[in-house]
PDB file of N, CA and C in Angstrom:
ATOM      1  N   UNK A   1       0.749  -1.233   0.032  1.00  0.00           N
ATOM      2  CA  UNK A   1      -0.025  -0.075  -0.390  1.00  0.00           C
ATOM      3  C   UNK A   1       0.574   1.412   0.020  1.00  0.00           C
ATOM      4  N   UNK A   2       0.772   2.278  -0.947  1.00  0.00           N
ATOM      5  CA  UNK A   2       1.070   3.436  -0.644  1.00  0.00           C
ATOM      6  C   UNK A   2       1.028   4.329  -0.026  1.00  0.00           C
ATOM      7  N   UNK A   3       1.686   5.082   0.480  1.00  0.00           N
ATOM      8  CA  UNK A   3       1.568   6.178   1.905  1.00  0.00           C
ATOM      9  C   UNK A   3       0.743   7.118   1.500  1.00  0.00           C
ATOM     10  N   UNK A   4       0.198   7.224   0.070  1.00  0.00           N
ATOM     11  CA  UNK A   4      -1.094   8.266  -0.470  1.00  0.00           C
ATOM     12  C   UNK A   4      -2.377   7.491  -0.092  1.00  0.00           C
ATOM     13  N   UNK A   5      -2.206   5.584  -0.675  1.00  0.00           N
ATOM     14  CA  UNK A   5      -3.277   5.299  -0.338  1.00  0.00           C
ATOM     15  C   UNK A   5      -4.026   5.783   1.352  1.00  0.00           C
ATOM     16  N   UNK A   6      -3.078   4.847   2.195  1.00  0.00           N
ATOM     17  CA  UNK A   6      -2.834   4.861   3.543  1.00  0.00           C
ATOM     18  C   UNK A   6      -3.596   5.850   4.244  1.00  0.00           C
ATOM     19  N   UNK A   7      -2.794   7.003   3.697  1.00  0.00           N
ATOM     20  CA  UNK A   7      -3.252   8.653   4.201  1.00  0.00           C
ATOM     21  C   UNK A   7      -4.937   8.605   4.036  1.00  0.00           C
ATOM     22  N   UNK A   8      -5.131   8.473   2.327  1.00  0.00           N
ATOM     23  CA  UNK A   8      -6.225   8.632   1.932  1.00  0.00           C
ATOM     24  C   UNK A   8      -7.755   7.799   2.635  1.00  0.00           C
ATOM     25  N   UNK A   9      -7.453   6.576   3.264  1.00  0.00           N
ATOM     26  CA  UNK A   9      -8.258   5.752   3.634  1.00  0.00           C
ATOM     27  C   UNK A   9      -8.666   6.108   4.961  1.00  0.00           C
ATOM     28  N   UNK A  10      -7.341   6.632   5.884  1.00  0.00           N
ATOM     29  CA  UNK A  10      -7.252   6.902   7.237  1.00  0.00           C
ATOM     30  C   UNK A  10      -8.001   8.182   6.978  1.00  0.00           C
ATOM     31  N   UNK A  11      -7.676   9.483   6.587  1.00  0.00           N
ATOM     32  CA  UNK A  11      -8.372  10.434   6.186  1.00  0.00           C
ATOM     33  C   UNK A  11      -9.955  10.530   6.177  1.00  0.00           C
ATOM     34  N   UNK A  12     -10.210  10.432   4.945  1.00  0.00           N
ATOM     35  CA  UNK A  12     -10.912  10.422   4.219  1.00  0.00           C
ATOM     36  C   UNK A  12     -12.168   9.284   3.866  1.00  0.00           C
ATOM     37  N   UNK A  13     -11.929   7.783   4.066  1.00  0.00           N
ATOM     38  CA  UNK A  13     -12.892   7.142   4.164  1.00  0.00           C
ATOM     39  C   UNK A  13     -12.970   6.647   6.021  1.00  0.00           C
ATOM     40  N   UNK A  14     -12.144   6.863   6.322  1.00  0.00           N
ATOM     41  CA  UNK A  14     -12.272   6.446   7.953  1.00  0.00           C
ATOM     42  C   UNK A  14     -12.515   8.157   9.173  1.00  0.00           C
ATOM     43  N   UNK A  15     -11.882   9.041   8.250  1.00  0.00           N
ATOM     44  CA  UNK A  15     -12.175  10.264   8.860  1.00  0.00           C
ATOM     45  C   UNK A  15     -11.238  10.211  10.335  1.00  0.00           C
ATOM     46  N   UNK A  16      -9.900  10.286  10.140  1.00  0.00           N
ATOM     47  CA  UNK A  16      -9.626   9.864  11.588  1.00  0.00           C
ATOM     48  C   UNK A  16      -8.009  10.770  11.221  1.00  0.00           C
ATOM     49  N   UNK A  17      -7.706  11.270  12.686  1.00  0.00           N
ATOM     50  CA  UNK A  17      -6.179  11.868  12.736  1.00  0.00           C
ATOM     51  C   UNK A  17      -5.325  11.175  12.861  1.00  0.00           C
ATOM     52  N   UNK A  18      -3.923  11.351  12.060  1.00  0.00           N
ATOM     53  CA  UNK A  18      -2.780  10.338  12.744  1.00  0.00           C
ATOM     54  C   UNK A  18      -3.441  10.103  13.900  1.00  0.00           C
ATOM     55  N   UNK A  19      -3.033  10.811  15.351  1.00  0.00           N
ATOM     56  CA  UNK A  19      -3.685  10.268  16.744  1.00  0.00           C
ATOM     57  C   UNK A  19      -4.613   9.742  16.741  1.00  0.00           C
ATOM     58  N   UNK A  20      -5.763   9.429  16.087  1.00  0.00           N
ATOM     59  CA  UNK A  20      -6.546   8.735  16.452  1.00  0.00           C
ATOM     60  C   UNK A  20      -6.269   7.334  15.945  1.00  0.00           C
ATOM     61  N   UNK A  21      -5.698   7.192  15.597  1.00  0.00           N
ATOM     62  CA  UNK A  21      -5.671   5.896  14.539  1.00  0.00           C
ATOM     63  C   UNK A  21      -4.145   5.162  14.890  1.00  0.00           C
ATOM     64  N   UNK A  22      -3.513   5.791  15.887  1.00  0.00           N
ATOM     65  CA  UNK A  22      -2.709   5.327  16.360  1.00  0.00           C
ATOM     66  C   UNK A  22      -2.917   4.505  17.421  1.00  0.00           C
ATOM     67  N   UNK A  23      -3.592   4.574  18.152  1.00  0.00           N
ATOM     68  CA  UNK A  23      -4.207   3.263  19.339  1.00  0.00           C
ATOM     69  C   UNK A  23      -5.013   2.573  18.971  1.00  0.00           C
ATOM     70  N   UNK A  24      -5.767   3.104  17.442  1.00  0.00           N
ATOM     71  CA  UNK A  24      -6.557   1.684  16.943  1.00  0.00           C
ATOM     72  C   UNK A  24      -5.455   0.141  16.406  1.00  0.00           C
ATOM     73  N   UNK A  25      -4.355   0.684  16.086  1.00  0.00           N
ATOM     74  CA  UNK A  25      -3.649  -0.016  15.209  1.00  0.00           C
ATOM     75  C   UNK A  25      -2.543  -0.039  16.424  1.00  0.00           C
ATOM     76  N   UNK A  26      -2.381   0.084  17.697  1.00  0.00           N
ATOM     77  CA  UNK A  26      -1.625  -0.233  18.122  1.00  0.00           C
ATOM     78  C   UNK A  26      -0.438   0.199  18.638  1.00  0.00           C
ATOM     79  N   UNK A  27      -0.032   1.876  17.818  1.00  0.00           N
ATOM     80  CA  UNK A  27       1.346   2.086  16.930  1.00  0.00           C
ATOM     81  C   UNK A  27       1.150   3.768  17.977  1.00  0.00           C
ATOM     82  N   UNK A  28       2.483   3.865  17.318  1.00  0.00           N
ATOM     83  CA  UNK A  28       2.862   5.392  18.286  1.00  0.00           C
ATOM     84  C   UNK A  28       2.222   6.587  16.724  1.00  0.00           C
ATOM     85  N   UNK A  29       2.070   7.707  17.182  1.00  0.00           N
ATOM     86  CA  UNK A  29       1.656   8.793  16.035  1.00  0.00           C
ATOM     87  C   UNK A  29       2.729   8.974  15.000  1.00  0.00           C
ATOM     88  N   UNK A  30       3.843   8.808  15.649  1.00  0.00           N
ATOM     89  CA  UNK A  30       5.049   9.192  14.834  1.00  0.00           C
ATOM     90  C   UNK A  30       5.051   7.809  13.673  1.00  0.00           C
ATOM     91  N   UNK A  31       4.959   6.443  14.356  1.00  0.00           N
ATOM     92  CA  UNK A  31       5.278   5.877  12.757  1.00  0.00           C
ATOM     93  C   UNK A  31       4.074   5.406  12.006  1.00  0.00           C
ATOM     94  N   UNK A  32       2.878   6.360  12.142  1.00  0.00           N
ATOM     95  CA  UNK A  32       1.744   6.432  11.451  1.00  0.00           C
ATOM     96  C   UNK A  32       2.450   7.698  10.107  1.00  0.00           C
ATOM     97  N   UNK A  33       3.231   8.404  10.942  1.00  0.00           N
ATOM     98  CA  UNK A  33       3.544   9.395   9.744  1.00  0.00           C
ATOM     99  C   UNK A  33       4.635   9.202   9.698  1.00  0.00           C
ATOM    100  N   UNK A  34       5.399   8.428   9.837  1.00  0.00           N
ATOM    101  CA  UNK A  34       6.533   7.804   8.849  1.00  0.00           C
ATOM    102  C   UNK A  34       6.108   6.584   7.820  1.00  0.00           C
ATOM    103  N   UNK A  35       4.797   6.372   7.756  1.00  0.00           N
ATOM    104  CA  UNK A  35       4.459   5.618   7.254  1.00  0.00           C
ATOM    105  C   UNK A  35       3.863   6.688   5.889  1.00  0.00           C
ATOM    106  N   UNK A  36       2.855   6.863   6.204  1.00  0.00           N
ATOM    107  CA  UNK A  36       2.129   7.932   5.301  1.00  0.00           C
ATOM    108  C   UNK A  36       3.737   9.198   4.764  1.00  0.00           C
ATOM    109  N   UNK A  37       4.396   9.545   5.332  1.00  0.00           N
ATOM    110  CA  UNK A  37       5.446  10.672   5.015  1.00  0.00           C
ATOM    111  C   UNK A  37       6.802   9.433   3.982  1.00  0.00           C
ATOM    112  N   UNK A  38       6.189   8.288   3.312  1.00  0.00           N
ATOM    113  CA  UNK A  38       7.273   7.244   3.522  1.00  0.00           C
ATOM    114  C   UNK A  38       8.276   6.951   3.596  1.00  0.00           C
ATOM    115  N   UNK A  39       8.614   7.704   4.497  1.00  0.00           N
ATOM    116  CA  UNK A  39       9.535   6.985   5.669  1.00  0.00           C
ATOM    117  C   UNK A  39       9.981   5.453   5.874  1.00  0.00           C
ATOM    118  N   UNK A  40       9.013   5.229   5.656  1.00  0.00           N
ATOM    119  CA  UNK A  40       9.206   3.361   6.113  1.00  0.00           C
ATOM    120  C   UNK A  40       8.025   3.010   5.426  1.00  0.00           C
ATOM    121  N   UNK A  41       7.912   1.605   5.108  1.00  0.00           N
ATOM    122  CA  UNK A  41       6.860   1.400   4.378  1.00  0.00           C
ATOM    123  C   UNK A  41       5.922   0.499   5.154  1.00  0.00           C
ATOM    124  N   UNK A  42       4.773   0.715   4.733  1.00  0.00           N
ATOM    125  CA  UNK A  42       3.263  -0.372   5.828  1.00  0.00           C
ATOM    126  C   UNK A  42       3.932  -1.473   5.933  1.00  0.00           C
ATOM    127  N   UNK A  43       3.352  -2.352   6.929  1.00  0.00           N
ATOM    128  CA  UNK A  43       3.683  -3.707   7.159  1.00  0.00           C
ATOM    129  C   UNK A  43       2.421  -4.202   6.582  1.00  0.00           C
ATOM    130  N   UNK A  44       2.797  -5.283   6.511  1.00  0.00           N
ATOM    131  CA  UNK A  44       0.912  -6.082   6.163  1.00  0.00           C
ATOM    132  C   UNK A  44       0.108  -6.361   6.781  1.00  0.00           C
ATOM    133  N   UNK A  45       0.689  -6.060   8.427  1.00  0.00           N
ATOM    134  CA  UNK A  45      -0.098  -6.503   9.316  1.00  0.00           C
ATOM    135  C   UNK A  45      -1.159  -5.369   9.370  1.00  0.00           C
ATOM    136  N   UNK A  46      -0.460  -4.428   9.165  1.00  0.00           N
ATOM    137  CA  UNK A  46      -0.784  -2.832   9.193  1.00  0.00           C
ATOM    138  C   UNK A  46      -2.108  -2.622   8.368  1.00  0.00           C
ATOM    139  N   UNK A  47      -1.722  -2.678   6.849  1.00  0.00           N
ATOM    140  CA  UNK A  47      -2.812  -2.889   5.915  1.00  0.00           C
ATOM    141  C   UNK A  47      -3.661  -3.761   5.980  1.00  0.00           C
ATOM    142  N   UNK A  48      -3.788  -5.135   6.466  1.00  0.00           N
ATOM    143  CA  UNK A  48      -4.547  -5.566   7.456  1.00  0.00           C
ATOM    144  C   UNK A  48      -5.569  -5.131   8.301  1.00  0.00           C
ATOM    145  N   UNK A  49      -4.981  -4.812   8.771  1.00  0.00           N
ATOM    146  CA  UNK A  49      -6.103  -4.087   9.846  1.00  0.00           C
ATOM    147  C   UNK A  49      -6.949  -2.815   9.334  1.00  0.00           C
ATOM    148  N   UNK A  50      -5.849  -2.171   8.444  1.00  0.00           N
ATOM    149  CA  UNK A  50      -6.453  -0.810   7.852  1.00  0.00           C
ATOM    150  C   UNK A  50      -7.726  -1.168   7.219  1.00  0.00           C
ATOM    151  N   UNK A  51      -7.947  -2.197   6.267  1.00  0.00           N
ATOM    152  CA  UNK A  51      -8.882  -2.632   5.576  1.00  0.00           C
ATOM    153  C   UNK A  51     -10.020  -3.147   6.096  1.00  0.00           C
ATOM    154  N   UNK A  52      -9.885  -3.859   7.610  1.00  0.00           N
ATOM    155  CA  UNK A  52     -10.378  -4.056   8.066  1.00  0.00           C
ATOM    156  C   UNK A  52     -11.050  -3.530   9.147  1.00  0.00           C
ATOM    157  N   UNK A  53     -10.457  -2.021   9.034  1.00  0.00           N
ATOM    158  CA  UNK A  53     -10.870  -1.078   9.855  1.00  0.00           C
ATOM    159  C   UNK A  53     -12.053  -0.297   8.709  1.00  0.00           C
ATOM    160  N   UNK A  54     -11.729   0.188   7.938  1.00  0.00           N
ATOM    161  CA  UNK A  54     -12.086   0.352   6.230  1.00  0.00           C
ATOM    162  C   UNK A  54     -14.024  -0.277   6.072  1.00  0.00           C
ATOM    163  N   UNK A  55     -13.528  -1.467   6.393  1.00  0.00           N
ATOM    164  CA  UNK A  55     -14.683  -2.063   6.092  1.00  0.00           C
ATOM    165  C   UNK A  55     -16.054  -2.162   7.435  1.00  0.00           C
ATOM    166  N   UNK A  56     -15.194  -1.985   8.687  1.00  0.00           N
ATOM    167  CA  UNK A  56     -16.043  -1.932   9.734  1.00  0.00           C
ATOM    168  C   UNK A  56     -16.415  -0.217  10.511  1.00  0.00           C
ATOM    169  N   UNK A  57     -16.495   0.142   9.583  1.00  0.00           N
ATOM    170  CA  UNK A  57     -16.548   1.857  10.722  1.00  0.00           C
ATOM    171  C   UNK A  57     -16.846   2.008  11.701  1.00  0.00           C
ATOM    172  N   UNK A  58     -17.985   1.631  11.857  1.00  0.00           N
ATOM    173  CA  UNK A  58     -18.738   1.058  13.443  1.00  0.00           C
ATOM    174  C   UNK A  58     -17.799   0.896  14.567  1.00  0.00           C
ATOM    175  N   UNK A  59     -16.939  -0.314  14.384  1.00  0.00           N
ATOM    176  CA  UNK A  59     -15.611  -0.597  15.026  1.00  0.00           C
ATOM    177  C   UNK A  59     -15.589   1.001  15.117  1.00  0.00           C
ATOM    178  N   UNK A  60     -14.946   1.721  14.291  1.00  0.00           N
ATOM    179  CA  UNK A  60     -14.275   3.567  14.578  1.00  0.00           C
ATOM    180  C   UNK A  60     -15.022   3.889  15.252  1.00  0.00           C
ATOM    181  N   UNK A  61     -16.548   4.176  14.955  1.00  0.00           N
ATOM    182  CA  UNK A  61     -17.127   4.986  15.919  1.00  0.00           C
ATOM    183  C   UNK A  61     -17.354   4.584  17.287  1.00  0.00           C
ATOM    184  N   UNK A  62     -17.605   3.283  17.791  1.00  0.00           N
ATOM    185  CA  UNK A  62     -17.891   2.897  18.341  1.00  0.00           C
ATOM    186  C   UNK A  62     -16.606   3.348  19.772  1.00  0.00           C
ATOM    187  N   UNK A  63     -15.532   3.333  18.891  1.00  0.00           N
ATOM    188  CA  UNK A  63     -14.236   3.528  20.216  1.00  0.00           C
ATOM    189  C   UNK A  63     -14.389   4.949  20.070  1.00  0.00           C
ATOM    190  N   UNK A  64     -14.298   5.591  19.400  1.00  0.00           N
ATOM    191  CA  UNK A  64     -13.999   7.502  19.265  1.00  0.00           C
ATOM    192  C   UNK A  64     -15.013   7.901  19.970  1.00  0.00           C
ATOM    193  N   UNK A  65     -16.242   7.222  19.555  1.00  0.00           N
ATOM    194  CA  UNK A  65     -17.082   7.792  20.894  1.00  0.00           C
ATOM    195  C   UNK A  65     -17.246   7.908  22.654  1.00  0.00           C
ATOM    196  N   UNK A  66     -16.208   6.722  22.771  1.00  0.00           N
ATOM    197  CA  UNK A  66     -15.308   6.380  24.082  1.00  0.00           C
ATOM    198  C   UNK A  66     -15.467   6.945  24.497  1.00  0.00           C
ATOM    199  N   UNK A  67     -14.419   8.261  24.098  1.00  0.00           N
ATOM    200  CA  UNK A  67     -13.062   8.578  24.427  1.00  0.00           C
ATOM    201  C   UNK A  67     -13.575  10.732  24.792  1.00  0.00           C
TER     202      UNK A  67
END
């Protein structure tokens, strides 16, 4: 997955900031930023989790409303 694809799913599809996505993925916000800036490639497990979150918006929405 390209950095632009990752960013588009996070921001446009899920409507999340890097700060909101990081705890859902169990990574530091800087890791999200590195993936999106192309400093590091997005690992397969992160792609799979992002695609899962993309399919299940309710999970993301419920998590955000608890905070």
